[in-house]
């Protein structure tokens, strides 16, 4: 990857994925806060709708954190990566491991979508898309960062994402009875 144009395109691609992840987090946070702040006061007949709205608000805020924190870490790590003469600080081995973790997380998300048996619905594609954005964006942050501490933090976030996705697949596979159609 000695070609500066190729390196620049890869840096921009990783940064774009992280920005998309961060914007999605802000959108979900906005929806959650809107539900929490604009929900109608509980009525005699509307208590279930009120409780669901509050639960949605909590889930939305948590999901915004799950998406936004890795996105912010990755963007922070990518600062200065496009500068002329920027040299990545991580060793080639660490960068290779980061790429492997990203690929493992994407493979795990694909397995998760297939094993659920629902086919590739819009929800499955959304899950896969989020994992792709987060894993490839964070792998790019580890790959191109010129800041050792920030690249390490992005690597930790990538590791947590990958391990979490793989654990979800293993747990799901344990729930599916042997011989049952997926």
C-alpha atoms as a PDB file:
ATOM      1  CA  UNK A   1       0.000   0.000   0.000  1.00  0.00           C
ATOM      2  CA  UNK A   2       2.736   2.426  -1.023  1.00  0.00           C
ATOM      3  CA  UNK A   3       0.443   4.298  -3.395  1.00  0.00           C
ATOM      4  CA  UNK A   4      -0.640   7.553  -1.684  1.00  0.00           C
ATOM      5  CA  UNK A   5      -3.891   7.717  -3.689  1.00  0.00           C
ATOM      6  CA  UNK A   6      -4.934   4.232  -2.595  1.00  0.00           C
ATOM      7  CA  UNK A   7      -4.023   5.004   1.015  1.00  0.00           C
ATOM      8  CA  UNK A   8      -5.999   8.245   0.876  1.00  0.00           C
ATOM      9  CA  UNK A   9      -9.055   6.449  -0.509  1.00  0.00           C
ATOM     10  CA  UNK A  10      -8.874   3.803   2.210  1.00  0.00           C
ATOM     11  CA  UNK A  11      -8.548   6.458   4.918  1.00  0.00           C
ATOM     12  CA  UNK A  12     -11.515   8.365   3.506  1.00  0.00           C
ATOM     13  CA  UNK A  13     -13.542   5.142   3.270  1.00  0.00           C
ATOM     14  CA  UNK A  14     -12.846   4.202   6.888  1.00  0.00           C
ATOM     15  CA  UNK A  15     -13.605   7.736   8.036  1.00  0.00           C
ATOM     16  CA  UNK A  16     -16.854   7.775   6.039  1.00  0.00           C
ATOM     17  CA  UNK A  17     -17.965   4.531   7.709  1.00  0.00           C
ATOM     18  CA  UNK A  18     -17.260   5.986  11.139  1.00  0.00           C
ATOM     19  CA  UNK A  19     -19.122   9.201  10.312  1.00  0.00           C
ATOM     20  CA  UNK A  20     -22.129   7.187   9.102  1.00  0.00           C
ATOM     21  CA  UNK A  21     -22.060   5.177  12.336  1.00  0.00           C
ATOM     22  CA  UNK A  22     -21.885   8.348  14.423  1.00  0.00           C
ATOM     23  CA  UNK A  23     -24.716  10.020  12.478  1.00  0.00           C
ATOM     24  CA  UNK A  24     -26.876   6.918  12.950  1.00  0.00           C
ATOM     25  CA  UNK A  25     -26.193   7.126  16.688  1.00  0.00           C
ATOM     26  CA  UNK A  26     -27.238  10.779  16.751  1.00  0.00           C
ATOM     27  CA  UNK A  27     -30.444   9.974  14.846  1.00  0.00           C
ATOM     28  CA  UNK A  28     -31.347   7.173  17.251  1.00  0.00           C
ATOM     29  CA  UNK A  29     -30.523   9.393  20.218  1.00  0.00           C
ATOM     30  CA  UNK A  30     -32.805  12.090  18.791  1.00  0.00           C
ATOM     31  CA  UNK A  31     -35.650   9.605  18.367  1.00  0.00           C
ATOM     32  CA  UNK A  32     -35.222   8.317  21.907  1.00  0.00           C
ATOM     33  CA  UNK A  33     -35.146  11.788  23.405  1.00  0.00           C
ATOM     34  CA  UNK A  34     -38.153  12.849  21.337  1.00  0.00           C
ATOM     35  CA  UNK A  35     -40.142   9.886  22.620  1.00  0.00           C
ATOM     36  CA  UNK A  36     -39.099  10.614  26.203  1.00  0.00           C
ATOM     37  CA  UNK A  37     -39.847  14.331  26.048  1.00  0.00           C
ATOM     38  CA  UNK A  38     -42.898  14.379  23.790  1.00  0.00           C
ATOM     39  CA  UNK A  39     -44.754  11.349  25.162  1.00  0.00           C
ATOM     40  CA  UNK A  40     -48.304  12.015  26.224  1.00  0.00           C
ATOM     41  CA  UNK A  41     -49.017  11.884  29.936  1.00  0.00           C
ATOM     42  CA  UNK A  42     -50.421   8.506  30.928  1.00  0.00           C
ATOM     43  CA  UNK A  43     -54.120   8.161  30.400  1.00  0.00           C
ATOM     44  CA  UNK A  44     -56.418   5.495  31.692  1.00  0.00           C
ATOM     45  CA  UNK A  45     -56.517   3.797  28.300  1.00  0.00           C
ATOM     46  CA  UNK A  46     -53.020   4.723  27.183  1.00  0.00           C
ATOM     47  CA  UNK A  47     -50.820   3.247  29.910  1.00  0.00           C
ATOM     48  CA  UNK A  48     -49.409   0.495  27.659  1.00  0.00           C
ATOM     49  CA  UNK A  49     -48.472   2.989  24.956  1.00  0.00           C
ATOM     50  CA  UNK A  50     -46.868   5.216  27.582  1.00  0.00           C
ATOM     51  CA  UNK A  51     -44.771   2.372  29.027  1.00  0.00           C
ATOM     52  CA  UNK A  52     -43.708   1.225  25.561  1.00  0.00           C
ATOM     53  CA  UNK A  53     -42.634   4.773  24.724  1.00  0.00           C
ATOM     54  CA  UNK A  54     -40.477   4.976  27.854  1.00  0.00           C
ATOM     55  CA  UNK A  55     -38.923   1.572  27.152  1.00  0.00           C
ATOM     56  CA  UNK A  56     -38.210   2.642  23.562  1.00  0.00           C
ATOM     57  CA  UNK A  57     -36.555   5.817  24.818  1.00  0.00           C
ATOM     58  CA  UNK A  58     -34.229   3.870  27.129  1.00  0.00           C
ATOM     59  CA  UNK A  59     -33.341   1.332  24.431  1.00  0.00           C
ATOM     60  CA  UNK A  60     -32.728   4.135  21.919  1.00  0.00           C
ATOM     61  CA  UNK A  61     -30.371   5.993  24.252  1.00  0.00           C
ATOM     62  CA  UNK A  62     -28.427   2.794  25.009  1.00  0.00           C
ATOM     63  CA  UNK A  63     -28.273   1.895  21.312  1.00  0.00           C
ATOM     64  CA  UNK A  64     -27.032   5.401  20.503  1.00  0.00           C
ATOM     65  CA  UNK A  65     -24.206   4.846  22.985  1.00  0.00           C
ATOM     66  CA  UNK A  66     -23.390   1.444  21.509  1.00  0.00           C
ATOM     67  CA  UNK A  67     -23.118   2.992  18.049  1.00  0.00           C
ATOM     68  CA  UNK A  68     -21.811   6.448  18.890  1.00  0.00           C
ATOM     69  CA  UNK A  69     -18.991   5.637  21.284  1.00  0.00           C
ATOM     70  CA  UNK A  70     -17.083   3.380  18.851  1.00  0.00           C
ATOM     71  CA  UNK A  71     -17.765   5.860  16.048  1.00  0.00           C
ATOM     72  CA  UNK A  72     -16.378   8.744  18.104  1.00  0.00           C
ATOM     73  CA  UNK A  73     -13.339   6.708  19.186  1.00  0.00           C
ATOM     74  CA  UNK A  74     -12.605   5.748  15.592  1.00  0.00           C
ATOM     75  CA  UNK A  75     -12.983   9.302  14.312  1.00  0.00           C
ATOM     76  CA  UNK A  76     -10.735  10.571  17.090  1.00  0.00           C
ATOM     77  CA  UNK A  77      -8.115   7.955  16.195  1.00  0.00           C
ATOM     78  CA  UNK A  78      -8.286   8.905  12.498  1.00  0.00           C
ATOM     79  CA  UNK A  79      -7.313  12.537  13.160  1.00  0.00           C
ATOM     80  CA  UNK A  80      -4.314  13.394  11.028  1.00  0.00           C
ATOM     81  CA  UNK A  81      -4.282  10.098   9.144  1.00  0.00           C
ATOM     82  CA  UNK A  82      -4.722  11.827   5.784  1.00  0.00           C
ATOM     83  CA  UNK A  83      -1.888  14.309   6.269  1.00  0.00           C
ATOM     84  CA  UNK A  84       1.052  14.237   3.888  1.00  0.00           C
ATOM     85  CA  UNK A  85       3.657  11.809   5.173  1.00  0.00           C
ATOM     86  CA  UNK A  86       1.405  10.389   7.916  1.00  0.00           C
ATOM     87  CA  UNK A  87       2.824   7.080   9.089  1.00  0.00           C
ATOM     88  CA  UNK A  88       0.669   4.551  10.940  1.00  0.00           C
ATOM     89  CA  UNK A  89       2.018   3.829  14.415  1.00  0.00           C
ATOM     90  CA  UNK A  90       0.789   0.276  14.848  1.00  0.00           C
ATOM     91  CA  UNK A  91       2.944  -2.622  13.751  1.00  0.00           C
ATOM     92  CA  UNK A  92       1.968  -4.614  10.669  1.00  0.00           C
ATOM     93  CA  UNK A  93       1.031  -7.547  12.916  1.00  0.00           C
ATOM     94  CA  UNK A  94      -1.399  -5.450  14.975  1.00  0.00           C
ATOM     95  CA  UNK A  95      -2.914  -4.017  11.811  1.00  0.00           C
ATOM     96  CA  UNK A  96      -3.332  -7.518  10.371  1.00  0.00           C
ATOM     97  CA  UNK A  97      -5.016  -8.728  13.585  1.00  0.00           C
ATOM     98  CA  UNK A  98      -7.383  -5.730  13.450  1.00  0.00           C
ATOM     99  CA  UNK A  99      -8.339  -6.623   9.885  1.00  0.00           C
ATOM    100  CA  UNK A 100      -8.906 -10.234  10.939  1.00  0.00           C
ATOM    101  CA  UNK A 101     -11.130  -9.157  13.835  1.00  0.00           C
ATOM    102  CA  UNK A 102     -13.191  -6.988  11.482  1.00  0.00           C
ATOM    103  CA  UNK A 103     -13.645  -9.870   9.058  1.00  0.00           C
ATOM    104  CA  UNK A 104     -14.571 -12.228  11.934  1.00  0.00           C
ATOM    105  CA  UNK A 105     -17.220  -9.792  13.193  1.00  0.00           C
ATOM    106  CA  UNK A 106     -18.736  -9.458   9.725  1.00  0.00           C
ATOM    107  CA  UNK A 107     -18.729 -13.247   9.249  1.00  0.00           C
ATOM    108  CA  UNK A 108     -20.377 -13.666  12.654  1.00  0.00           C
ATOM    109  CA  UNK A 109     -23.085 -11.144  11.742  1.00  0.00           C
ATOM    110  CA  UNK A 110     -23.753 -12.997   8.482  1.00  0.00           C
ATOM    111  CA  UNK A 111     -23.968 -16.315  10.353  1.00  0.00           C
ATOM    112  CA  UNK A 112     -26.317 -14.716  12.866  1.00  0.00           C
ATOM    113  CA  UNK A 113     -28.602 -13.539  10.061  1.00  0.00           C
ATOM    114  CA  UNK A 114     -28.627 -16.937   8.342  1.00  0.00           C
ATOM    115  CA  UNK A 115     -29.079 -19.016  11.529  1.00  0.00           C
ATOM    116  CA  UNK A 116     -32.113 -17.051  12.695  1.00  0.00           C
ATOM    117  CA  UNK A 117     -33.964 -18.577   9.765  1.00  0.00           C
ATOM    118  CA  UNK A 118     -35.829 -15.440   8.815  1.00  0.00           C
ATOM    119  CA  UNK A 119     -33.852 -14.965   5.630  1.00  0.00           C
ATOM    120  CA  UNK A 120     -32.191 -11.678   4.883  1.00  0.00           C
ATOM    121  CA  UNK A 121     -34.907  -9.319   6.043  1.00  0.00           C
ATOM    122  CA  UNK A 122     -34.421  -5.583   6.311  1.00  0.00           C
ATOM    123  CA  UNK A 123     -33.660  -6.028  10.018  1.00  0.00           C
ATOM    124  CA  UNK A 124     -30.939  -8.583   9.271  1.00  0.00           C
ATOM    125  CA  UNK A 125     -29.441  -6.345   6.603  1.00  0.00           C
ATOM    126  CA  UNK A 126     -29.490  -3.440   9.052  1.00  0.00           C
ATOM    127  CA  UNK A 127     -27.641  -5.499  11.673  1.00  0.00           C
ATOM    128  CA  UNK A 128     -25.069  -6.629   9.133  1.00  0.00           C
ATOM    129  CA  UNK A 129     -24.665  -3.046   7.909  1.00  0.00           C
ATOM    130  CA  UNK A 130     -24.052  -1.734  11.415  1.00  0.00           C
ATOM    131  CA  UNK A 131     -21.458  -4.432  12.092  1.00  0.00           C
ATOM    132  CA  UNK A 132     -19.771  -3.718   8.743  1.00  0.00           C
ATOM    133  CA  UNK A 133     -19.651   0.031   9.404  1.00  0.00           C
ATOM    134  CA  UNK A 134     -18.315  -0.372  12.927  1.00  0.00           C
ATOM    135  CA  UNK A 135     -15.817  -3.152  12.290  1.00  0.00           C
ATOM    136  CA  UNK A 136     -14.330  -1.845   9.055  1.00  0.00           C
ATOM    137  CA  UNK A 137     -14.301   1.746  10.346  1.00  0.00           C
ATOM    138  CA  UNK A 138     -12.512   0.764  13.554  1.00  0.00           C
ATOM    139  CA  UNK A 139     -10.130  -1.524  11.656  1.00  0.00           C
ATOM    140  CA  UNK A 140      -9.311   1.444   9.429  1.00  0.00           C
ATOM    141  CA  UNK A 141      -8.696   3.574  12.509  1.00  0.00           C
ATOM    142  CA  UNK A 142      -6.241   0.987  13.840  1.00  0.00           C
ATOM    143  CA  UNK A 143      -4.700   0.598  10.396  1.00  0.00           C
ATOM    144  CA  UNK A 144      -4.080   4.277   9.646  1.00  0.00           C
ATOM    145  CA  UNK A 145      -3.951   6.147  12.974  1.00  0.00           C
ATOM    146  CA  UNK A 146      -0.858   8.198  13.706  1.00  0.00           C
ATOM    147  CA  UNK A 147      -1.635   8.284  17.443  1.00  0.00           C
ATOM    148  CA  UNK A 148      -0.648   5.168  19.406  1.00  0.00           C
ATOM    149  CA  UNK A 149      -3.066   5.639  22.319  1.00  0.00           C
ATOM    150  CA  UNK A 150      -6.010   6.439  20.077  1.00  0.00           C
ATOM    151  CA  UNK A 151      -5.241   3.508  17.779  1.00  0.00           C
ATOM    152  CA  UNK A 152      -5.043   1.233  20.824  1.00  0.00           C
ATOM    153  CA  UNK A 153      -8.427   2.476  22.048  1.00  0.00           C
ATOM    154  CA  UNK A 154      -9.901   1.867  18.576  1.00  0.00           C
ATOM    155  CA  UNK A 155      -8.403  -1.636  18.662  1.00  0.00           C
ATOM    156  CA  UNK A 156     -10.008  -2.316  22.042  1.00  0.00           C
ATOM    157  CA  UNK A 157     -13.372  -1.102  20.711  1.00  0.00           C
ATOM    158  CA  UNK A 158     -12.940  -3.329  17.645  1.00  0.00           C
ATOM    159  CA  UNK A 159     -12.090  -6.287  19.867  1.00  0.00           C
ATOM    160  CA  UNK A 160     -15.162  -5.711  22.041  1.00  0.00           C
ATOM    161  CA  UNK A 161     -17.365  -5.425  18.954  1.00  0.00           C
ATOM    162  CA  UNK A 162     -15.942  -8.609  17.434  1.00  0.00           C
ATOM    163  CA  UNK A 163     -16.109 -10.634  20.637  1.00  0.00           C
ATOM    164  CA  UNK A 164     -19.645  -9.410  21.348  1.00  0.00           C
ATOM    165  CA  UNK A 165     -20.838 -10.362  17.876  1.00  0.00           C
ATOM    166  CA  UNK A 166     -19.180 -13.786  18.073  1.00  0.00           C
ATOM    167  CA  UNK A 167     -20.659 -14.418  21.543  1.00  0.00           C
ATOM    168  CA  UNK A 168     -24.118 -13.541  20.188  1.00  0.00           C
ATOM    169  CA  UNK A 169     -23.681 -16.108  17.420  1.00  0.00           C
ATOM    170  CA  UNK A 170     -22.464 -18.810  19.816  1.00  0.00           C
ATOM    171  CA  UNK A 171     -25.389 -18.173  22.181  1.00  0.00           C
ATOM    172  CA  UNK A 172     -27.844 -18.299  19.293  1.00  0.00           C
ATOM    173  CA  UNK A 173     -26.342 -21.547  18.021  1.00  0.00           C
ATOM    174  CA  UNK A 174     -26.773 -23.027  21.501  1.00  0.00           C
ATOM    175  CA  UNK A 175     -30.478 -22.079  21.444  1.00  0.00           C
ATOM    176  CA  UNK A 176     -31.150 -23.784  18.103  1.00  0.00           C
ATOM    177  CA  UNK A 177     -31.842 -27.489  18.723  1.00  0.00           C
ATOM    178  CA  UNK A 178     -29.660 -29.970  16.836  1.00  0.00           C
ATOM    179  CA  UNK A 179     -31.282 -31.097  13.605  1.00  0.00           C
ATOM    180  CA  UNK A 180     -33.860 -28.304  13.647  1.00  0.00           C
ATOM    181  CA  UNK A 181     -34.166 -26.187  10.535  1.00  0.00           C
ATOM    182  CA  UNK A 182     -32.438 -22.856  10.982  1.00  0.00           C
END
